[in-house]
Amino acid sequence: MSKHITPAQAAALIPDRAIVSVSSSSGLGCPDLMLKAIGERFEAAGHPRDLTTLHPIAAGDMSGIKGVDYIAQKGLLKTIIGGSYPSGPSD
């Protein structure tokens, strides 16, 4: 039995009102596929809802990496706690 799961399978494990940590430095190390899977699950099923996300530095917005843009959807996010937010794309 494989111990690896897909981003979609991992996204399916996130319950409503969960606290999710997103660790990256803008686009560097951004879990882009995971954030995309969370956003796609929400668009398809309406869950997870009302997430709180923790970001040392906002994830994405660099070199074509969407990052948190995937989860910036009304109803998906309730609270965002971040250390800093990039001022825009670095391209």
Protein backbone atom coordinates (compact mmCIF):
# COMPACT_ATOMS: atom_id res chain seq x y z
CA MET A 1 0.00 0.00 0.00
CA SER A 2 1.41 3.36 -1.04
CA LYS A 3 2.00 5.96 1.65
CA HIS A 4 1.71 8.75 -0.92
CA ILE A 5 -1.55 10.49 -1.70
CA THR A 6 -2.44 13.01 -4.36
CA PRO A 7 -3.07 16.68 -3.59
CA ALA A 8 -6.78 16.05 -4.30
CA GLN A 9 -6.84 13.20 -1.77
CA ALA A 10 -5.09 15.39 0.80
CA ALA A 11 -7.52 18.25 0.16
CA ALA A 12 -10.42 15.85 0.79
CA LEU A 13 -9.08 15.30 4.33
CA ILE A 14 -9.37 18.97 5.33
CA PRO A 15 -12.52 19.56 7.38
CA ASP A 16 -14.53 22.76 7.53
CA ARG A 17 -13.15 25.36 9.98
CA ALA A 18 -9.66 23.79 9.98
CA ILE A 19 -6.46 25.73 10.57
CA VAL A 20 -4.05 25.22 7.68
CA SER A 21 -0.41 26.34 7.65
CA VAL A 22 1.01 27.35 4.27
CA SER A 23 4.78 27.55 4.48
CA SER A 24 6.74 29.10 1.64
CA SER A 25 8.54 32.27 0.71
CA SER A 26 6.37 33.86 -1.97
CA GLY A 27 6.80 31.43 -4.87
CA LEU A 28 9.76 29.58 -3.38
CA GLY A 29 8.64 26.25 -1.99
CA CYS A 30 5.00 27.17 -2.53
CA PRO A 31 2.65 24.16 -2.25
CA ASP A 32 0.93 25.33 -5.44
CA LEU A 33 -0.61 21.97 -6.39
CA MET A 34 -2.01 21.52 -2.87
CA LEU A 35 -3.53 25.00 -2.81
CA LYS A 36 -4.99 24.38 -6.26
CA ALA A 37 -6.54 21.09 -5.06
CA ILE A 38 -8.13 22.83 -2.05
CA GLY A 39 -9.58 25.53 -4.31
CA GLU A 40 -10.89 22.99 -6.81
CA ARG A 41 -12.52 20.93 -4.06
CA PHE A 42 -14.25 24.04 -2.74
CA GLU A 43 -15.47 24.99 -6.22
CA ALA A 44 -16.84 21.47 -6.80
CA ALA A 45 -18.23 20.60 -3.38
CA GLY A 46 -18.40 23.78 -1.28
CA HIS A 47 -15.89 22.35 1.21
CA PRO A 48 -13.71 22.97 3.08
CA ARG A 49 -15.36 26.15 4.36
CA ASP A 50 -14.28 28.85 6.79
CA LEU A 51 -10.60 27.93 6.92
CA THR A 52 -8.04 29.84 8.94
CA THR A 53 -4.69 29.96 7.16
CA LEU A 54 -1.30 30.76 8.67
CA HIS A 55 1.38 32.21 6.37
CA PRO A 56 4.88 33.27 7.48
CA ILE A 57 5.03 34.91 4.02
CA ALA A 58 2.12 34.87 1.58
CA ALA A 59 2.49 31.93 -0.81
CA GLY A 60 2.58 32.58 -4.54
CA ASP A 61 2.42 35.71 -6.67
CA MET A 62 5.82 34.99 -8.22
CA SER A 63 6.90 33.69 -11.62
CA GLY A 64 3.48 32.33 -12.61
CA ILE A 65 2.79 30.67 -9.25
CA LYS A 66 -0.78 31.41 -8.13
CA GLY A 67 -0.41 30.10 -4.57
CA VAL A 68 -3.02 31.58 -2.25
CA ASP A 69 -4.98 32.93 -5.22
CA TYR A 70 -6.38 29.38 -5.57
CA ILE A 71 -7.99 29.59 -2.13
CA ALA A 72 -8.98 33.27 -2.14
CA GLN A 73 -12.66 32.42 -2.52
CA LYS A 74 -15.61 33.72 -0.54
CA GLY A 75 -16.69 31.07 1.95
CA LEU A 76 -13.46 29.09 1.74
CA LEU A 77 -11.39 31.46 3.89
CA LYS A 78 -12.55 32.94 7.18
CA THR A 79 -9.28 34.23 8.67
CA ILE A 80 -5.81 34.78 7.26
CA ILE A 81 -2.88 35.24 9.64
CA GLY A 82 0.31 36.29 7.85
CA GLY A 83 3.74 37.68 8.54
CA SER A 84 4.09 39.59 5.29
CA TYR A 85 2.50 39.91 1.90
CA PRO A 86 4.45 40.48 -1.33
CA SER A 87 3.64 43.71 -3.12
CA GLY A 88 3.00 42.05 -6.48
CA PRO A 89 4.37 39.69 -9.09
CA SER A 90 8.14 39.61 -9.33
CA ASP A 91 8.11 39.11 -13.10
